[in-house]
Structures are given as C-alpha cells and as structure tokens.
C-alpha cells in the first residue's frame, strides 16, 4: 500500500477539477476532486497553492460509502 500511495503523489495534476453543485457559490469554499492515475486528488479551492491530498479509488470509495451511510453527519452540525 505504501508504494501505491507514493505513486499517487507522483501522478501529474493535469486534469479538470470537479466541484460539488452543493458547494458555496462564491467560488472559494469548495472541496474539489480531480481524477489522476491510480486514484483521485482532493484539493481546496481556497488554497490552490497547497498540495492536494491523494487517495486510491478504494480509499475514496470507502469514504463515500461511509459518508452516504451518515457516519460523519455529526461533524457538520
């Protein structure tokens, strides 16, 4: 797994960022995703100069499954 994660951070960020339609409309409060080789990059539109986090497809799928099941609802008030 460690090697796989290291490879993700070598993947170029040359795709298109995707923002949720539910994000704040001012363009600066968005979590954004980009498909990369072997996974997905997760960035913050407020701080585009920061290196985005990178996750394998399996990691993101597990997170989305948990989010859809409501496991993190208590974190957002």
PDB file of N, CA and C in Angstrom:
ATOM      1  N   UNK A   1       0.825  -1.203   0.000  1.00  0.00           N
ATOM      2  CA  UNK A   1       0.000   0.000   0.000  1.00  0.00           C
ATOM      3  C   UNK A   1       0.859   1.253   0.000  1.00  0.00           C
ATOM      4  N   UNK A   2       1.964   1.242   0.738  1.00  0.00           N
ATOM      5  CA  UNK A   2       2.812   2.424   0.812  1.00  0.00           C
ATOM      6  C   UNK A   2       3.322   2.816  -0.571  1.00  0.00           C
ATOM      7  N   UNK A   3       3.770   1.832  -1.346  1.00  0.00           N
ATOM      8  CA  UNK A   3       4.270   2.108  -2.692  1.00  0.00           C
ATOM      9  C   UNK A   3       3.165   2.714  -3.556  1.00  0.00           C
ATOM     10  N   UNK A   4       1.956   2.176  -3.421  1.00  0.00           N
ATOM     11  CA  UNK A   4       0.819   2.675  -4.188  1.00  0.00           C
ATOM     12  C   UNK A   4       0.547   4.138  -3.857  1.00  0.00           C
ATOM     13  N   UNK A   5       0.603   4.500  -2.580  1.00  0.00           N
ATOM     14  CA  UNK A   5       0.375   5.891  -2.175  1.00  0.00           C
ATOM     15  C   UNK A   5       1.479   6.803  -2.698  1.00  0.00           C
ATOM     16  N   UNK A   6       2.715   6.345  -2.652  1.00  0.00           N
ATOM     17  CA  UNK A   6       3.820   7.148  -3.172  1.00  0.00           C
ATOM     18  C   UNK A   6       3.627   7.432  -4.651  1.00  0.00           C
ATOM     19  N   UNK A   7       3.156   6.439  -5.393  1.00  0.00           N
ATOM     20  CA  UNK A   7       2.909   6.613  -6.826  1.00  0.00           C
ATOM     21  C   UNK A   7       1.840   7.673  -7.076  1.00  0.00           C
ATOM     22  N   UNK A   8       0.833   7.736  -6.212  1.00  0.00           N
ATOM     23  CA  UNK A   8      -0.214   8.743  -6.387  1.00  0.00           C
ATOM     24  C   UNK A   8       0.354  10.154  -6.329  1.00  0.00           C
ATOM     25  N   UNK A   9       1.341  10.371  -5.465  1.00  0.00           N
ATOM     26  CA  UNK A   9       1.907  11.709  -5.321  1.00  0.00           C
ATOM     27  C   UNK A   9       2.873  12.060  -6.444  1.00  0.00           C
ATOM     28  N   UNK A  10       3.172  11.095  -7.304  1.00  0.00           N
ATOM     29  CA  UNK A  10       3.977  11.361  -8.492  1.00  0.00           C
ATOM     30  C   UNK A  10       3.100  11.625  -9.710  1.00  0.00           C
ATOM     31  N   UNK A  11       1.824  11.286  -9.614  1.00  0.00           N
ATOM     32  CA  UNK A  11       0.911  11.466 -10.743  1.00  0.00           C
ATOM     33  C   UNK A  11       0.714  12.956 -11.023  1.00  0.00           C
ATOM     34  N   UNK A  12       0.763  13.352 -12.297  1.00  0.00           N
ATOM     35  CA  UNK A  12       0.575  14.767 -12.629  1.00  0.00           C
ATOM     36  C   UNK A  12      -0.859  15.224 -12.380  1.00  0.00           C
ATOM     37  N   UNK A  13      -0.992  16.490 -12.027  1.00  0.00           N
ATOM     38  CA  UNK A  13      -2.310  17.102 -11.827  1.00  0.00           C
ATOM     39  C   UNK A  13      -2.669  17.862 -13.101  1.00  0.00           C
ATOM     40  N   UNK A  14      -2.970  17.137 -14.144  1.00  0.00           N
ATOM     41  CA  UNK A  14      -3.230  17.786 -15.424  1.00  0.00           C
ATOM     42  C   UNK A  14      -4.664  17.589 -15.893  1.00  0.00           C
ATOM     43  N   UNK A  15      -5.543  17.222 -14.978  1.00  0.00           N
ATOM     44  CA  UNK A  15      -6.948  17.027 -15.313  1.00  0.00           C
ATOM     45  C   UNK A  15      -7.786  18.238 -14.951  1.00  0.00           C
ATOM     46  N   UNK A  16      -9.066  18.034 -14.937  1.00  0.00           N
ATOM     47  CA  UNK A  16     -10.030  19.092 -14.620  1.00  0.00           C
ATOM     48  C   UNK A  16     -10.534  18.905 -13.192  1.00  0.00           C
ATOM     49  N   UNK A  17     -10.486  19.964 -12.380  1.00  0.00           N
ATOM     50  CA  UNK A  17     -11.051  19.898 -11.038  1.00  0.00           C
ATOM     51  C   UNK A  17     -12.570  19.852 -11.151  1.00  0.00           C
ATOM     52  N   UNK A  18     -13.204  19.066 -10.287  1.00  0.00           N
ATOM     53  CA  UNK A  18     -14.658  18.955 -10.237  1.00  0.00           C
ATOM     54  C   UNK A  18     -15.105  19.426  -8.859  1.00  0.00           C
ATOM     55  N   UNK A  19     -16.073  20.345  -8.848  1.00  0.00           N
ATOM     56  CA  UNK A  19     -16.614  20.856  -7.587  1.00  0.00           C
ATOM     57  C   UNK A  19     -18.069  20.432  -7.463  1.00  0.00           C
ATOM     58  N   UNK A  20     -18.503  20.223  -6.252  1.00  0.00           N
ATOM     59  CA  UNK A  20     -19.886  19.852  -5.996  1.00  0.00           C
ATOM     60  C   UNK A  20     -20.826  21.000  -6.342  1.00  0.00           C
ATOM     61  N   UNK A  21     -21.972  20.661  -6.877  1.00  0.00           N
ATOM     62  CA  UNK A  21     -23.009  21.658  -7.130  1.00  0.00           C
ATOM     63  C   UNK A  21     -23.558  22.205  -5.813  1.00  0.00           C
ATOM     64  N   UNK A  22     -23.267  21.536  -4.696  1.00  0.00           N
ATOM     65  CA  UNK A  22     -23.745  21.967  -3.380  1.00  0.00           C
ATOM     66  C   UNK A  22     -22.739  22.853  -2.655  1.00  0.00           C
ATOM     67  N   UNK A  23     -21.605  23.129  -3.267  1.00  0.00           N
ATOM     68  CA  UNK A  23     -20.594  23.994  -2.647  1.00  0.00           C
ATOM     69  C   UNK A  23     -21.092  25.430  -2.619  1.00  0.00           C
ATOM     70  N   UNK A  24     -20.485  26.238  -1.767  1.00  0.00           N
ATOM     71  CA  UNK A  24     -20.839  27.655  -1.701  1.00  0.00           C
ATOM     72  C   UNK A  24     -20.621  28.288  -3.069  1.00  0.00           C
ATOM     73  N   UNK A  25     -21.499  29.181  -3.457  1.00  0.00           N
ATOM     74  CA  UNK A  25     -21.462  29.758  -4.794  1.00  0.00           C
ATOM     75  C   UNK A  25     -20.416  30.820  -5.029  1.00  0.00           C
ATOM     76  N   UNK A  26     -19.639  31.190  -4.025  1.00  0.00           N
ATOM     77  CA  UNK A  26     -18.682  32.280  -4.209  1.00  0.00           C
ATOM     78  C   UNK A  26     -17.373  31.826  -4.835  1.00  0.00           C
ATOM     79  N   UNK A  27     -17.241  30.555  -5.160  1.00  0.00           N
ATOM     80  CA  UNK A  27     -16.043  30.063  -5.835  1.00  0.00           C
ATOM     81  C   UNK A  27     -14.853  29.827  -4.938  1.00  0.00           C
ATOM     82  N   UNK A  28     -14.958  30.117  -3.641  1.00  0.00           N
ATOM     83  CA  UNK A  28     -13.797  29.984  -2.785  1.00  0.00           C
ATOM     84  C   UNK A  28     -13.953  29.037  -1.615  1.00  0.00           C
ATOM     85  N   UNK A  29     -15.066  28.355  -1.519  1.00  0.00           N
ATOM     86  CA  UNK A  29     -15.308  27.464  -0.384  1.00  0.00           C
ATOM     87  C   UNK A  29     -15.611  26.047  -0.849  1.00  0.00           C
ATOM     88  N   UNK A  30     -14.795  25.547  -1.744  1.00  0.00           N
ATOM     89  CA  UNK A  30     -15.119  24.269  -2.369  1.00  0.00           C
ATOM     90  C   UNK A  30     -14.039  23.223  -2.150  1.00  0.00           C
ATOM     91  N   UNK A  31     -14.492  22.040  -1.801  1.00  0.00           N
ATOM     92  CA  UNK A  31     -13.635  20.867  -1.899  1.00  0.00           C
ATOM     93  C   UNK A  31     -13.741  20.444  -3.352  1.00  0.00           C
ATOM     94  N   UNK A  32     -12.611  20.157  -3.970  1.00  0.00           N
ATOM     95  CA  UNK A  32     -12.634  19.789  -5.379  1.00  0.00           C
ATOM     96  C   UNK A  32     -11.865  18.497  -5.593  1.00  0.00           C
ATOM     97  N   UNK A  33     -12.285  17.742  -6.591  1.00  0.00           N
ATOM     98  CA  UNK A  33     -11.691  16.448  -6.903  1.00  0.00           C
ATOM     99  C   UNK A  33     -11.167  16.443  -8.329  1.00  0.00           C
ATOM    100  N   UNK A  34     -10.098  15.679  -8.551  1.00  0.00           N
ATOM    101  CA  UNK A  34      -9.549  15.502  -9.889  1.00  0.00           C
ATOM    102  C   UNK A  34      -9.124  14.046 -10.048  1.00  0.00           C
ATOM    103  N   UNK A  35      -9.528  13.439 -11.148  1.00  0.00           N
ATOM    104  CA  UNK A  35      -9.073  12.082 -11.447  1.00  0.00           C
ATOM    105  C   UNK A  35      -7.589  12.130 -11.796  1.00  0.00           C
ATOM    106  N   UNK A  36      -6.811  11.226 -11.201  1.00  0.00           N
ATOM    107  CA  UNK A  36      -5.386  11.090 -11.507  1.00  0.00           C
ATOM    108  C   UNK A  36      -5.095   9.612 -11.732  1.00  0.00           C
ATOM    109  N   UNK A  37      -3.943   9.312 -12.278  1.00  0.00           N
ATOM    110  CA  UNK A  37      -3.566   7.918 -12.484  1.00  0.00           C
ATOM    111  C   UNK A  37      -3.568   7.177 -11.153  1.00  0.00           C
ATOM    112  N   UNK A  38      -4.391   6.164 -11.031  1.00  0.00           N
ATOM    113  CA  UNK A  38      -4.420   5.338  -9.834  1.00  0.00           C
ATOM    114  C   UNK A  38      -5.305   5.831  -8.717  1.00  0.00           C
ATOM    115  N   UNK A  39      -5.967   6.972  -8.897  1.00  0.00           N
ATOM    116  CA  UNK A  39      -6.803   7.465  -7.817  1.00  0.00           C
ATOM    117  C   UNK A  39      -7.419   8.816  -8.081  1.00  0.00           C
ATOM    118  N   UNK A  40      -7.553   9.583  -7.001  1.00  0.00           N
ATOM    119  CA  UNK A  40      -8.227  10.873  -7.044  1.00  0.00           C
ATOM    120  C   UNK A  40      -7.464  11.860  -6.167  1.00  0.00           C
ATOM    121  N   UNK A  41      -7.301  13.087  -6.675  1.00  0.00           N
ATOM    122  CA  UNK A  41      -6.718  14.168  -5.874  1.00  0.00           C
ATOM    123  C   UNK A  41      -7.861  14.966  -5.257  1.00  0.00           C
ATOM    124  N   UNK A  42      -7.678  15.420  -4.025  1.00  0.00           N
ATOM    125  CA  UNK A  42      -8.677  16.193  -3.315  1.00  0.00           C
ATOM    126  C   UNK A  42      -8.041  17.511  -2.913  1.00  0.00           C
ATOM    127  N   UNK A  43      -8.571  18.607  -3.433  1.00  0.00           N
ATOM    128  CA  UNK A  43      -7.986  19.914  -3.175  1.00  0.00           C
ATOM    129  C   UNK A  43      -8.967  20.871  -2.532  1.00  0.00           C
ATOM    130  N   UNK A  44      -8.460  22.029  -2.147  1.00  0.00           N
ATOM    131  CA  UNK A  44      -9.235  23.085  -1.503  1.00  0.00           C
ATOM    132  C   UNK A  44      -9.159  24.319  -2.390  1.00  0.00           C
ATOM    133  N   UNK A  45     -10.292  24.755  -2.924  1.00  0.00           N
ATOM    134  CA  UNK A  45     -10.279  25.893  -3.843  1.00  0.00           C
ATOM    135  C   UNK A  45      -9.848  27.188  -3.163  1.00  0.00           C
ATOM    136  N   UNK A  46      -9.941  27.268  -1.837  1.00  0.00           N
ATOM    137  CA  UNK A  46      -9.488  28.466  -1.118  1.00  0.00           C
ATOM    138  C   UNK A  46      -7.970  28.564  -1.084  1.00  0.00           C
ATOM    139  N   UNK A  47      -7.302  27.426  -1.229  1.00  0.00           N
ATOM    140  CA  UNK A  47      -5.838  27.380  -1.143  1.00  0.00           C
ATOM    141  C   UNK A  47      -5.270  26.546  -2.293  1.00  0.00           C
ATOM    142  N   UNK A  48      -5.413  27.026  -3.526  1.00  0.00           N
ATOM    143  CA  UNK A  48      -4.956  26.232  -4.672  1.00  0.00           C
ATOM    144  C   UNK A  48      -3.447  26.015  -4.704  1.00  0.00           C
ATOM    145  N   UNK A  49      -2.700  26.812  -3.948  1.00  0.00           N
ATOM    146  CA  UNK A  49      -1.242  26.654  -3.918  1.00  0.00           C
ATOM    147  C   UNK A  49      -0.812  25.458  -3.063  1.00  0.00           C
ATOM    148  N   UNK A  50      -1.692  24.955  -2.239  1.00  0.00           N
ATOM    149  CA  UNK A  50      -1.373  23.804  -1.386  1.00  0.00           C
ATOM    150  C   UNK A  50      -1.467  22.504  -2.174  1.00  0.00           C
ATOM    151  N   UNK A  51      -0.583  21.585  -1.850  1.00  0.00           N
ATOM    152  CA  UNK A  51      -0.586  20.269  -2.490  1.00  0.00           C
ATOM    153  C   UNK A  51      -1.867  19.531  -2.102  1.00  0.00           C
ATOM    154  N   UNK A  52      -2.619  19.040  -3.067  1.00  0.00           N
ATOM    155  CA  UNK A  52      -3.837  18.305  -2.723  1.00  0.00           C
ATOM    156  C   UNK A  52      -3.518  16.940  -2.122  1.00  0.00           C
ATOM    157  N   UNK A  53      -4.432  16.450  -1.325  1.00  0.00           N
ATOM    158  CA  UNK A  53      -4.338  15.088  -0.814  1.00  0.00           C
ATOM    159  C   UNK A  53      -4.684  14.141  -1.952  1.00  0.00           C
ATOM    160  N   UNK A  54      -4.164  12.928  -1.892  1.00  0.00           N
ATOM    161  CA  UNK A  54      -4.415  11.962  -2.958  1.00  0.00           C
ATOM    162  C   UNK A  54      -4.823  10.632  -2.349  1.00  0.00           C
ATOM    163  N   UNK A  55      -5.844  10.036  -2.941  1.00  0.00           N
ATOM    164  CA  UNK A  55      -6.409   8.793  -2.434  1.00  0.00           C
ATOM    165  C   UNK A  55      -6.564   7.785  -3.559  1.00  0.00           C
ATOM    166  N   UNK A  56      -6.432   6.506  -3.217  1.00  0.00           N
ATOM    167  CA  UNK A  56      -6.710   5.458  -4.188  1.00  0.00           C
ATOM    168  C   UNK A  56      -8.220   5.419  -4.420  1.00  0.00           C
ATOM    169  N   UNK A  57      -8.615   4.757  -5.497  1.00  0.00           N
ATOM    170  CA  UNK A  57     -10.049   4.614  -5.755  1.00  0.00           C
ATOM    171  C   UNK A  57     -10.732   3.883  -4.606  1.00  0.00           C
ATOM    172  N   UNK A  58     -10.086   2.856  -4.069  1.00  0.00           N
ATOM    173  CA  UNK A  58     -10.668   2.086  -2.961  1.00  0.00           C
ATOM    174  C   UNK A  58     -10.835   2.948  -1.710  1.00  0.00           C
ATOM    175  N   UNK A  59      -9.852   3.784  -1.419  1.00  0.00           N
ATOM    176  CA  UNK A  59      -9.950   4.662  -0.244  1.00  0.00           C
ATOM    177  C   UNK A  59     -11.103   5.645  -0.399  1.00  0.00           C
ATOM    178  N   UNK A  60     -11.221   6.257  -1.568  1.00  0.00           N
ATOM    179  CA  UNK A  60     -12.297   7.221  -1.781  1.00  0.00           C
ATOM    180  C   UNK A  60     -13.654   6.517  -1.759  1.00  0.00           C
ATOM    181  N   UNK A  61     -13.735   5.332  -2.345  1.00  0.00           N
ATOM    182  CA  UNK A  61     -14.991   4.583  -2.336  1.00  0.00           C
ATOM    183  C   UNK A  61     -15.423   4.254  -0.906  1.00  0.00           C
ATOM    184  N   UNK A  62     -14.483   3.849  -0.059  1.00  0.00           N
ATOM    185  CA  UNK A  62     -14.805   3.542   1.338  1.00  0.00           C
ATOM    186  C   UNK A  62     -15.296   4.790   2.064  1.00  0.00           C
ATOM    187  N   UNK A  63     -14.646   5.930   1.817  1.00  0.00           N
ATOM    188  CA  UNK A  63     -15.074   7.185   2.444  1.00  0.00           C
ATOM    189  C   UNK A  63     -16.478   7.573   1.979  1.00  0.00           C
ATOM    190  N   UNK A  64     -16.718   7.519   0.675  1.00  0.00           N
ATOM    191  CA  UNK A  64     -18.031   7.900   0.151  1.00  0.00           C
ATOM    192  C   UNK A  64     -19.129   6.981   0.676  1.00  0.00           C
ATOM    193  N   UNK A  65     -18.845   5.705   0.779  1.00  0.00           N
ATOM    194  CA  UNK A  65     -19.816   4.755   1.325  1.00  0.00           C
ATOM    195  C   UNK A  65     -20.173   5.138   2.762  1.00  0.00           C
ATOM    196  N   UNK A  66     -19.167   5.446   3.560  1.00  0.00           N
ATOM    197  CA  UNK A  66     -19.400   5.838   4.954  1.00  0.00           C
ATOM    198  C   UNK A  66     -20.160   7.158   5.031  1.00  0.00           C
ATOM    199  N   UNK A  67     -19.813   8.112   4.167  1.00  0.00           N
ATOM    200  CA  UNK A  67     -20.498   9.405   4.168  1.00  0.00           C
ATOM    201  C   UNK A  67     -21.970   9.239   3.793  1.00  0.00           C
ATOM    202  N   UNK A  68     -22.236   8.434   2.782  1.00  0.00           N
ATOM    203  CA  UNK A  68     -23.622   8.195   2.370  1.00  0.00           C
ATOM    204  C   UNK A  68     -24.419   7.486   3.457  1.00  0.00           C
ATOM    205  N   UNK A  69     -23.747   6.703   4.280  1.00  0.00           N
ATOM    206  CA  UNK A  69     -24.403   5.993   5.381  1.00  0.00           C
ATOM    207  C   UNK A  69     -24.608   6.893   6.597  1.00  0.00           C
ATOM    208  N   UNK A  70     -24.122   8.140   6.533  1.00  0.00           N
ATOM    209  CA  UNK A  70     -24.326   9.087   7.620  1.00  0.00           C
ATOM    210  C   UNK A  70     -23.303   9.030   8.733  1.00  0.00           C
ATOM    211  N   UNK A  71     -22.207   8.304   8.533  1.00  0.00           N
ATOM    212  CA  UNK A  71     -21.224   8.130   9.602  1.00  0.00           C
ATOM    213  C   UNK A  71     -20.541   9.426  10.033  1.00  0.00           C
ATOM    214  N   UNK A  72     -20.568  10.452   9.198  1.00  0.00           N
ATOM    215  CA  UNK A  72     -19.875  11.701   9.528  1.00  0.00           C
ATOM    216  C   UNK A  72     -20.839  12.865   9.763  1.00  0.00           C
ATOM    217  N   UNK A  73     -22.118  12.589   9.759  1.00  0.00           N
ATOM    218  CA  UNK A  73     -23.110  13.657   9.893  1.00  0.00           C
ATOM    219  C   UNK A  73     -22.905  14.500  11.146  1.00  0.00           C
ATOM    220  N   UNK A  74     -22.466  13.895  12.227  1.00  0.00           N
ATOM    221  CA  UNK A  74     -22.284  14.625  13.486  1.00  0.00           C
ATOM    222  C   UNK A  74     -21.163  15.672  13.396  1.00  0.00           C
ATOM    223  N   UNK A  75     -20.331  15.591  12.372  1.00  0.00           N
ATOM    224  CA  UNK A  75     -19.222  16.537  12.225  1.00  0.00           C
ATOM    225  C   UNK A  75     -19.639  17.854  11.570  1.00  0.00           C
ATOM    226  N   UNK A  76     -20.821  17.894  10.988  1.00  0.00           N
ATOM    227  CA  UNK A  76     -21.240  19.093  10.262  1.00  0.00           C
ATOM    228  C   UNK A  76     -22.454  19.767  10.893  1.00  0.00           C
ATOM    229  N   UNK A  77     -22.611  19.597  12.176  1.00  0.00           N
ATOM    230  CA  UNK A  77     -23.633  20.306  12.914  1.00  0.00           C
ATOM    231  C   UNK A  77     -24.954  19.682  12.809  1.00  0.00           C
TER     232      UNK A  77
END
